Protein backbone atom coordinates (compact mmCIF):
# COMPACT_ATOMS: atom_id res chain seq x y z
CA MET A 1 -0.42 -0.14 0.28
CA ILE A 2 2.69 2.74 0.88
CA ARG A 3 5.74 2.83 -1.44
CA ALA A 4 7.93 4.77 1.06
CA LEU A 5 8.63 4.09 5.00
CA PRO A 6 7.11 6.87 7.32
CA ALA A 7 9.78 9.27 8.48
CA CYS A 8 10.95 7.60 11.54
CA GLY A 9 11.77 4.79 8.68
CA LEU A 10 13.31 6.73 6.36
CA VAL A 11 15.98 8.52 8.87
CA LEU A 12 16.98 4.81 9.97
CA ALA A 13 17.76 3.52 6.79
CA LEU A 14 20.12 6.48 6.06
CA ALA A 15 21.38 6.30 9.37
CA LEU A 16 22.19 2.73 9.42
CA PRO A 17 25.04 1.09 7.33
CA ALA A 18 24.24 -1.62 4.95
CA GLY A 19 24.36 -5.18 5.20
CA PRO A 20 21.82 -8.10 5.07
CA GLY A 21 20.74 -8.03 8.30
CA VAL A 22 19.99 -4.47 8.52
CA GLN A 23 18.09 -4.79 5.07
CA ALA A 24 15.95 -7.56 6.48
CA ALA A 25 15.20 -5.49 9.48
CA GLN A 26 14.13 -2.78 7.52
CA ASP A 27 11.83 -4.92 4.93
CA LEU A 28 10.12 -6.01 7.87
CA SER A 29 9.34 -2.46 9.41
CA ARG A 30 8.25 -1.61 6.31
CA GLY A 31 6.07 -4.55 5.70
CA ALA A 32 4.72 -4.22 9.51
CA TYR A 33 3.75 -0.42 8.29
CA LEU A 34 1.49 -1.40 5.30
CA ALA A 35 -0.12 -4.28 6.88
CA ARG A 36 -1.16 -2.08 10.24
CA ILE A 37 -2.22 0.57 7.67
CA GLY A 38 -4.01 -1.76 5.58
CA GLY A 39 -5.91 -2.98 8.31
CA CYS A 40 -4.88 -6.76 8.21
CA ALA A 41 -4.77 -7.28 12.26
CA SER A 42 -8.57 -5.59 12.38
CA CYS A 43 -10.00 -8.32 10.31
CA HIS A 44 -8.23 -11.02 10.84
CA THR A 45 -8.10 -10.78 14.73
CA GLU A 46 -11.09 -11.81 16.61
CA PRO A 47 -11.74 -8.26 18.76
CA ARG A 48 -12.53 -10.25 22.64
CA GLN A 49 -9.19 -11.34 23.25
CA GLY A 50 -8.28 -12.97 19.70
CA ALA A 51 -4.75 -13.66 19.05
CA ALA A 52 -3.49 -11.18 16.59
CA PHE A 53 -3.76 -12.25 13.00
CA ALA A 54 -5.27 -15.57 13.94
CA GLY A 55 -8.72 -14.66 12.17
CA GLY A 56 -12.20 -15.47 13.64
CA ARG A 57 -13.63 -12.02 13.30
CA ALA A 58 -17.20 -12.39 12.64
CA LEU A 59 -18.84 -10.38 9.44
CA ARG A 60 -22.67 -10.08 8.82
CA THR A 61 -23.70 -10.08 5.21
CA PRO A 62 -26.91 -10.52 3.36
CA PHE A 63 -25.89 -14.05 2.85
CA GLY A 64 -25.04 -15.10 6.27
CA THR A 65 -21.92 -14.80 8.57
CA LEU A 66 -18.33 -15.04 7.38
CA TYR A 67 -15.62 -15.63 9.57
CA SER A 68 -11.67 -14.57 8.75
CA THR A 69 -9.29 -16.80 8.28
CA ASN A 70 -5.79 -17.20 9.99
CA ILE A 71 -2.80 -15.41 8.39
CA THR A 72 -0.34 -16.13 10.96
CA PRO A 73 2.76 -18.46 9.71
CA ASP A 74 1.38 -21.13 11.60
CA PRO A 75 1.81 -24.33 8.73
CA ARG A 76 -1.42 -25.86 9.55
CA THR A 77 -4.12 -23.00 10.35
CA GLY A 78 -2.44 -20.34 8.81
CA ILE A 79 -0.49 -19.37 5.75
CA GLY A 80 2.92 -20.68 7.26
CA ARG A 81 3.43 -23.11 4.02
CA TYR A 82 2.63 -20.33 1.13
CA GLY A 83 5.27 -19.25 -0.91
CA TYR A 84 4.75 -15.73 -2.63
CA ASP A 85 3.28 -16.82 -5.93
CA ASP A 86 0.77 -18.35 -3.59
CA PHE A 87 0.18 -14.86 -1.64
CA VAL A 88 0.13 -13.03 -5.04
CA ARG A 89 -2.90 -15.08 -6.14
CA VAL A 90 -4.79 -14.93 -3.00
CA MET A 91 -4.20 -11.09 -2.88
CA ARG A 92 -5.03 -10.20 -6.90
CA GLU A 93 -7.37 -13.25 -7.47
CA GLY A 94 -9.23 -13.87 -4.66
CA THR A 95 -7.55 -17.48 -4.71
CA ALA A 96 -6.25 -19.58 -2.37
CA PRO A 97 -3.90 -22.50 -2.76
CA GLY A 98 -5.62 -25.58 -4.10
CA GLY A 99 -8.26 -23.47 -6.41
CA ARG A 100 -10.45 -22.28 -3.05
CA HIS A 101 -12.15 -19.01 -4.41
CA LEU A 102 -12.22 -16.69 -1.33
CA TYR A 103 -15.49 -14.65 -0.88
CA PRO A 104 -15.34 -10.74 -1.88
CA ALA A 105 -15.75 -9.75 1.97
CA MET A 106 -12.06 -10.27 1.64
CA PRO A 107 -11.37 -7.32 -0.47
CA TYR A 108 -9.07 -8.85 -3.25
CA THR A 109 -11.09 -6.30 -5.68
CA ALA A 110 -8.77 -3.51 -4.11
CA TYR A 111 -5.67 -5.81 -3.15
CA ALA A 112 -5.57 -6.30 -6.99
CA LYS A 113 -4.22 -2.80 -7.45
CA VAL A 114 -1.37 -3.46 -4.88
CA ASP A 115 1.73 -2.85 -6.73
CA GLU A 116 4.99 -5.96 -6.76
CA ALA A 117 7.35 -4.39 -4.04
CA ASP A 118 4.34 -3.76 -1.22
CA LEU A 119 3.31 -7.45 -1.80
CA ARG A 120 6.57 -8.52 -1.37
CA ASP A 121 7.27 -6.66 1.71
CA LEU A 122 3.85 -7.21 3.18
CA PHE A 123 4.51 -11.08 2.58
CA ASP A 124 7.98 -11.00 4.52
CA TYR A 125 6.31 -9.21 7.38
CA LEU A 126 3.28 -11.83 7.76
CA GLN A 127 5.71 -14.76 7.30
CA HIS A 128 9.02 -13.47 9.76
CA GLY A 129 7.28 -10.57 11.80
CA VAL A 130 4.09 -12.01 13.08
CA LYS A 131 3.96 -14.99 15.69
CA ALA A 132 2.81 -18.18 14.27
CA VAL A 133 -0.59 -18.97 16.39
CA GLU A 134 -2.31 -22.77 15.62
CA GLN A 135 -6.33 -22.00 15.51
CA GLU A 136 -8.87 -22.91 13.47
CA ALA A 137 -11.09 -20.38 11.89
CA PRO A 138 -15.04 -20.71 12.49
CA ALA A 139 -16.74 -22.47 10.27
CA ASN A 140 -18.88 -19.63 7.59
CA GLY A 141 -22.60 -19.74 8.24
CA LEU A 142 -23.63 -18.65 4.71
CA HIS A 143 -27.04 -19.78 3.44
CA PHE A 144 -27.37 -22.13 0.07
CA PRO A 145 -26.93 -21.24 -2.33
CA PHE A 146 -24.19 -18.57 -1.64
CA ASP A 147 -22.12 -21.27 0.16
CA GLN A 148 -21.18 -22.79 -3.33
CA ARG A 149 -17.60 -21.70 -3.71
CA TRP A 150 -17.72 -22.35 -7.05
CA ALA A 151 -19.71 -19.74 -8.25
CA LEU A 152 -17.38 -17.91 -7.00
CA ARG A 153 -15.21 -18.34 -10.59
CA PHE A 154 -17.88 -16.51 -12.28
CA TRP A 155 -18.46 -13.74 -10.18
CA LYS A 156 -14.42 -12.82 -10.39
CA MET A 157 -14.51 -13.42 -14.29
CA ALA A 158 -17.60 -10.35 -14.27
CA PHE A 159 -16.27 -8.02 -11.85
CA LEU A 160 -12.64 -8.48 -10.29
CA PRO A 161 -10.37 -5.33 -12.11
CA ARG A 162 -7.42 -5.68 -13.84
CA PRO A 163 -4.51 -5.65 -11.41
CA GLY A 164 -2.36 -2.76 -10.72
CA TYR A 165 -2.94 0.36 -9.79
CA VAL A 166 -2.83 2.66 -13.32
CA GLN A 167 -1.01 6.25 -12.66
CA ARG A 168 -2.82 9.38 -13.96
CA PRO A 169 -0.28 11.25 -15.88
CA GLU A 170 -2.57 14.87 -15.72
CA ARG A 171 -2.31 14.51 -11.91
CA ASP A 172 0.96 15.20 -9.76
CA ALA A 173 2.75 12.58 -7.89
CA SER A 174 0.49 13.45 -4.42
CA TRP A 175 -2.71 13.15 -6.05
CA ASN A 176 -1.62 9.33 -7.12
CA ARG A 177 -0.34 8.66 -4.00
CA GLY A 178 -3.64 9.49 -2.58
CA ALA A 179 -5.41 7.50 -5.20
CA TYR A 180 -3.09 4.56 -4.74
CA LEU A 181 -3.76 4.37 -0.94
CA VAL A 182 -7.43 4.63 -1.25
CA GLN A 183 -7.77 2.38 -3.87
CA SER A 184 -5.63 -0.66 -3.03
CA LEU A 185 -4.63 -1.69 0.71
CA GLY A 186 -6.66 0.68 2.02
CA HIS A 187 -9.43 -0.57 0.66
CA CYS A 188 -11.97 2.43 1.39
CA GLY A 189 -14.55 1.33 -1.40
CA SER A 190 -14.85 -2.11 0.37
CA CYS A 191 -17.05 0.09 3.06
CA HIS A 192 -17.89 3.24 1.47
CA THR A 193 -19.11 1.84 -2.05
CA PRO A 194 -22.87 0.85 -2.34
CA ARG A 195 -22.52 -2.93 -3.97
CA GLY A 196 -24.96 -4.26 -6.27
CA ALA A 197 -26.91 -7.67 -6.42
CA ALA A 198 -24.07 -9.71 -6.94
CA TYR A 199 -22.34 -8.21 -3.79
CA GLN A 200 -20.02 -6.43 -6.21
CA GLU A 201 -18.43 -2.63 -5.25
CA ARG A 202 -20.27 -0.57 -8.13
CA GLY A 203 -16.91 1.09 -8.87
CA TYR A 204 -13.48 0.92 -8.13
CA ASP A 205 -12.17 4.30 -8.77
CA GLU A 206 -13.07 7.62 -8.98
CA ARG A 207 -14.34 7.48 -12.83
CA ALA A 208 -17.28 5.05 -11.34
CA ARG A 209 -20.13 7.72 -10.07
CA HIS A 210 -21.31 5.74 -7.40
CA PHE A 211 -17.24 5.37 -6.49
CA LEU A 212 -17.15 6.06 -2.12
CA THR A 213 -20.96 7.40 -2.24
CA GLY A 214 -21.38 5.48 1.08
CA GLY A 215 -22.66 1.74 1.53
CA VAL A 216 -23.79 -0.43 4.57
CA ASN A 217 -21.46 -3.47 5.68
CA ASP A 218 -21.88 -5.46 9.01
CA LEU A 219 -25.16 -2.92 9.58
CA TRP A 220 -23.20 0.29 9.97
CA PHE A 221 -23.49 2.96 7.16
CA ALA A 222 -20.22 4.11 5.91
CA SER A 223 -20.38 7.59 5.03
CA ASN A 224 -20.25 9.49 1.57
CA LEU A 225 -16.91 10.11 0.71
CA THR A 226 -16.93 12.85 -2.56
CA GLY A 227 -17.74 16.48 -2.11
CA ASP A 228 -21.22 16.76 -1.56
CA PRO A 229 -21.83 19.56 0.51
CA GLY A 230 -24.96 17.96 2.76
CA SER A 231 -23.72 14.23 4.03
CA GLY A 232 -20.15 14.09 2.30
CA LEU A 233 -16.97 15.88 2.79
CA GLY A 234 -17.72 19.24 0.80
CA ARG A 235 -17.49 21.02 3.62
CA PHE A 236 -14.52 19.58 4.98
CA SER A 237 -11.11 21.31 4.46
CA ALA A 238 -7.80 19.21 3.42
CA ASP A 239 -6.38 20.05 6.74
CA ALA A 240 -9.39 19.01 8.70
CA LEU A 241 -10.12 15.63 6.75
CA ALA A 242 -6.07 14.91 7.41
CA SER A 243 -6.60 15.75 11.06
CA PHE A 244 -9.99 13.46 11.31
CA LEU A 245 -7.96 10.58 9.69
CA ALA A 246 -5.19 10.67 12.29
CA THR A 247 -7.09 11.64 15.09
CA GLY A 248 -10.92 10.79 14.53
CA HIS A 249 -11.56 13.93 15.34
CA GLY A 250 -12.16 17.05 12.59
CA ASN A 251 -14.29 20.19 11.79
CA GLY A 252 -16.36 19.56 14.85
CA THR A 253 -17.20 15.58 14.15
CA VAL A 254 -16.27 12.47 15.80
CA ALA A 255 -15.63 8.78 14.31
CA PHE A 256 -18.00 6.37 15.91
CA GLY A 257 -18.51 2.61 15.12
CA THR A 258 -16.14 0.96 13.09
CA MET A 259 -14.60 3.82 11.47
CA ALA A 260 -13.59 4.65 14.91
CA GLU A 261 -11.74 1.29 15.11
CA GLU A 262 -10.54 1.72 11.39
CA ILE A 263 -8.98 5.19 13.00
CA GLU A 264 -7.52 3.36 16.07
CA ALA A 265 -6.03 0.17 14.31
CA SER A 266 -5.00 2.04 11.16
CA LEU A 267 -5.12 5.28 9.66
CA GLN A 268 -3.73 7.18 12.55
CA HIS A 269 -0.22 5.49 11.61
CA LEU A 270 -0.19 7.33 8.30
CA GLY A 271 2.81 9.30 7.85
CA GLU A 272 1.97 13.05 7.68
CA GLU A 273 2.73 12.79 4.07
CA ASP A 274 0.21 9.74 3.27
CA LEU A 275 -2.59 11.66 5.36
CA ARG A 276 -2.30 14.50 2.99
CA ALA A 277 -1.95 12.99 -0.17
CA ILE A 278 -5.15 10.63 0.94
CA ALA A 279 -7.23 14.20 1.82
CA GLY A 280 -6.10 15.92 -1.04
CA TYR A 281 -7.32 12.47 -3.50
CA LEU A 282 -10.53 12.42 -1.58
CA LYS A 283 -10.98 16.33 -1.62
CA SER A 284 -10.57 16.12 -5.49
CA LEU A 285 -13.60 13.87 -6.26
CA PRO A 286 -16.63 15.92 -7.13
CA ALA A 287 -20.10 15.76 -5.26
CA GLN A 288 -21.92 12.45 -6.17
CA LYS A 289 -24.86 11.09 -4.71
CA GLY A 290 -26.70 14.02 -2.66
CA ALA A 291 -28.68 13.74 0.11
CA GLY A 292 -29.40 15.97 3.12
CA THR A 293 -28.60 19.54 2.94
CA TYR A 294 -27.28 21.59 5.51
CA GLU A 295 -28.12 26.00 5.70
CA PRO A 296 -26.69 27.93 8.66
CA GLY A 297 -28.79 30.02 10.63
CA ARG A 298 -31.92 28.63 9.16
CA SER A 299 -34.55 28.01 11.78
CA THR A 300 -35.59 24.99 12.80
CA SER A 301 -38.54 23.66 10.55
CA PRO A 302 -41.77 22.06 11.99
CA PRO A 303 -41.60 18.33 12.39
CA ARG A 304 -42.71 16.53 9.03
CA ALA A 305 -43.47 12.98 10.34
CA LYS A 306 -47.15 11.83 10.55
CA GLY A 307 -47.98 15.32 9.27
CA ASN A 308 -47.45 16.69 13.47
CA TYR A 309 -47.17 20.83 13.30
CA VAL A 310 -46.69 21.02 17.20
CA ALA A 311 -44.03 23.53 17.62
CA ASP A 312 -40.00 21.74 18.16
CA VAL A 313 -40.13 22.84 21.33
CA GLU A 314 -43.29 20.72 22.45
CA SER A 315 -42.43 18.00 20.57
CA THR A 316 -41.63 14.56 21.38
CA GLY A 317 -38.24 14.62 19.57
CA ALA A 318 -37.85 17.83 21.00
CA ALA A 319 -38.58 17.01 24.44
CA THR A 320 -36.11 13.85 23.94
CA TYR A 321 -33.33 15.80 22.83
CA ARG A 322 -33.42 17.69 25.56
CA GLY A 323 -33.82 15.33 28.43
CA PHE A 324 -31.10 13.02 26.88
CA CYS A 325 -29.14 15.05 24.60
CA ALA A 326 -28.33 18.55 24.85
CA ARG A 327 -26.20 18.37 27.73
CA CYS A 328 -23.32 17.30 25.25
CA HIS A 329 -24.50 18.19 22.55
CA GLN A 330 -25.74 21.53 23.86
CA ALA A 331 -29.01 23.40 22.92
CA ASP A 332 -28.27 24.56 19.85
CA GLY A 333 -26.97 21.39 18.68
CA GLN A 334 -23.19 22.98 18.66
CA GLY A 335 -21.45 20.49 20.73
CA LEU A 336 -18.34 20.61 22.80
CA ALA A 337 -15.31 20.72 21.15
CA PRO A 338 -13.34 18.46 20.81
CA ALA A 339 -14.93 16.19 23.08
CA PHE A 340 -18.31 16.30 22.13
CA PRO A 341 -19.59 16.36 18.41
CA ARG A 342 -21.45 19.49 16.81
CA LEU A 343 -24.98 17.85 15.21
CA ALA A 344 -25.90 21.10 13.18
CA GLY A 345 -24.66 20.46 9.69
CA ASN A 346 -23.13 17.09 10.82
CA PRO A 347 -22.87 15.29 7.63
CA SER A 348 -23.30 11.69 9.17
CA LEU A 349 -26.60 13.19 10.25
CA LEU A 350 -27.77 14.25 6.79
CA ASP A 351 -27.56 10.82 4.55
CA ASP A 352 -30.46 9.15 3.41
CA ASP A 353 -29.56 5.98 5.45
CA ALA A 354 -29.70 6.26 9.00
CA THR A 355 -28.61 3.09 10.16
CA SER A 356 -25.81 4.25 11.83
CA LEU A 357 -27.51 7.07 13.82
CA ILE A 358 -29.75 4.32 15.07
CA ARG A 359 -27.45 1.80 15.94
CA LEU A 360 -25.23 4.31 18.01
CA LEU A 361 -28.33 5.39 19.60
CA LEU A 362 -29.08 1.76 20.42
CA GLU A 363 -25.74 0.58 21.82
CA GLY A 364 -23.98 3.66 22.67
CA GLY A 365 -20.45 4.08 21.51
CA GLN A 366 -16.73 5.87 22.03
CA GLY A 367 -14.74 8.14 19.91
CA PRO A 368 -11.29 6.55 19.07
CA GLN A 369 -8.08 6.21 21.11
CA THR A 370 -5.29 7.84 19.27
CA ALA A 371 -1.87 9.00 19.93
CA LYS A 372 -2.67 12.91 19.20
CA GLY A 373 -6.26 13.20 19.69
CA PRO A 374 -8.06 13.94 22.67
CA ALA A 375 -9.14 11.10 25.21
CA PRO A 376 -12.31 9.27 23.91
CA GLN A 377 -15.69 10.21 25.47
CA GLN A 378 -18.20 7.39 25.62
CA MET A 379 -22.26 7.76 24.37
CA PRO A 380 -24.19 5.81 26.47
CA ALA A 381 -26.87 3.00 25.47
CA PHE A 382 -30.57 4.08 25.07
CA ALA A 383 -32.02 0.55 23.78
CA GLY A 384 -33.25 -0.09 27.41
CA THR A 385 -33.95 3.62 27.84
CA LEU A 386 -35.88 4.88 25.02
CA THR A 387 -38.49 3.27 22.92
CA ASP A 388 -38.48 2.64 19.21
CA VAL A 389 -41.02 5.76 19.23
CA GLN A 390 -38.81 8.23 21.10
CA MET A 391 -35.79 7.01 18.87
CA ALA A 392 -37.03 7.97 15.83
CA GLN A 393 -38.65 11.34 16.99
CA VAL A 394 -35.37 12.70 18.30
CA LEU A 395 -32.93 11.66 15.46
CA SER A 396 -36.09 13.04 13.08
CA PHE A 397 -35.65 15.98 14.99
CA VAL A 398 -32.06 16.47 14.79
CA ARG A 399 -32.24 15.70 11.49
CA GLN A 400 -34.01 18.61 10.90
CA SER A 401 -32.92 21.28 13.56
CA TRP A 402 -30.58 23.86 13.49
CA GLY A 403 -30.35 24.05 9.66
CA ASN A 404 -30.16 20.13 9.17
CA ASP A 405 -32.67 18.65 6.61
CA ALA A 406 -32.66 15.12 5.97
CA ARG A 407 -35.78 12.87 5.50
CA PRO A 408 -37.43 11.43 9.11
CA VAL A 409 -36.65 8.29 10.91
CA THR A 410 -39.50 6.09 11.20
CA THR A 411 -40.55 3.87 14.26
CA ASN A 412 -40.02 0.84 11.59
CA ASP A 413 -36.39 2.10 10.52
CA VAL A 414 -35.64 1.67 14.46
CA SER A 415 -37.43 -1.42 15.11
CA THR A 416 -36.07 -3.39 12.01
CA LEU A 417 -32.33 -2.61 13.20
CA ARG A 418 -33.17 -3.33 17.12
CA ARG A 419 -34.44 -7.06 15.54
CA LYS A 420 -30.98 -7.48 13.19
CA LEU A 421 -28.88 -6.76 15.98
CA ARG A 422 -30.48 -8.94 18.35
CA GLN A 423 -30.05 -11.96 15.60
């Protein structure tokens, strides 16, 4: 994913004398950087005290539950017997030794773009820098006919992109760097690009109009990363976006859910140049999709759900907000930076899809713990405190107040997600 070492690694490379042992150490350091930024441990470690890279993490899909595999160098249950060519076929073609086709929950459609040098360094690290753990992955729980791996051959024929990232000569080096990071080991599209009927990403680079416009994965909605001024990054500066990637805080917002985890485990470790390259690339993407809007200074409109035109201050949503939310997010929705995010103009509140908002209200959440960011604050869970009607009303209230204008949330939206989370 990253073609150069972080700054500290570059200094070390210049300071140490050349030699086989030194070179090997540097290669592992670079591979460790790639693995961390690529999120290898995040996906391949069971979150409840699982051994690093030993697999077992569950991923819920519309077709059932998948479990990540063991990628430690254990020769029986891991990848200890892989040769480099085996690793390349896994990463670029989604095919394990023995012709075993992998499900596209493993983002080999993105890894297909990883260049040769990065693949070699990553392979060396996984083979020589990771502790071998003997641990079988749980059996997948996919429904028929999706448990038939042979059919993936045809899926890959239809949707697997050509290998390698193709430089855009009309763009500068930083833009190309950012595009490479986002599209390859960063695999941002795996979460942030909507999927089609065959579970394929609806675009793999900026030339596709659905690329990075948001999508639901594992019952979280990954937001729109294009320049849309409502639910996207249109009102973020490049500096604020780089800060958000590094700390989970930027432009008055705070990362939550799986994005907070991604920042903790991966993105906070990006070098400064890589952060700015990614931010610059994302800021170059034109507005796509478009959802809610934000008009600063616009007075609160009457709640539109069910034709209720009682004044906001007397509505169920307003009363619930005043009783449970205003202490942290403030009566005017401006929050208390950097601890508590503002709700006025927050892009996460403005998308048509409210999945993440409902889940956050049901389960609570916590901001990311990062080296350079503020101490994380915790939002309590309200699943046992608020009814589905109250949750729908308060979410509709905040999505239509302080200049926000997004579709109301229905009681059915809340009850449906609550039921899915219990399964």
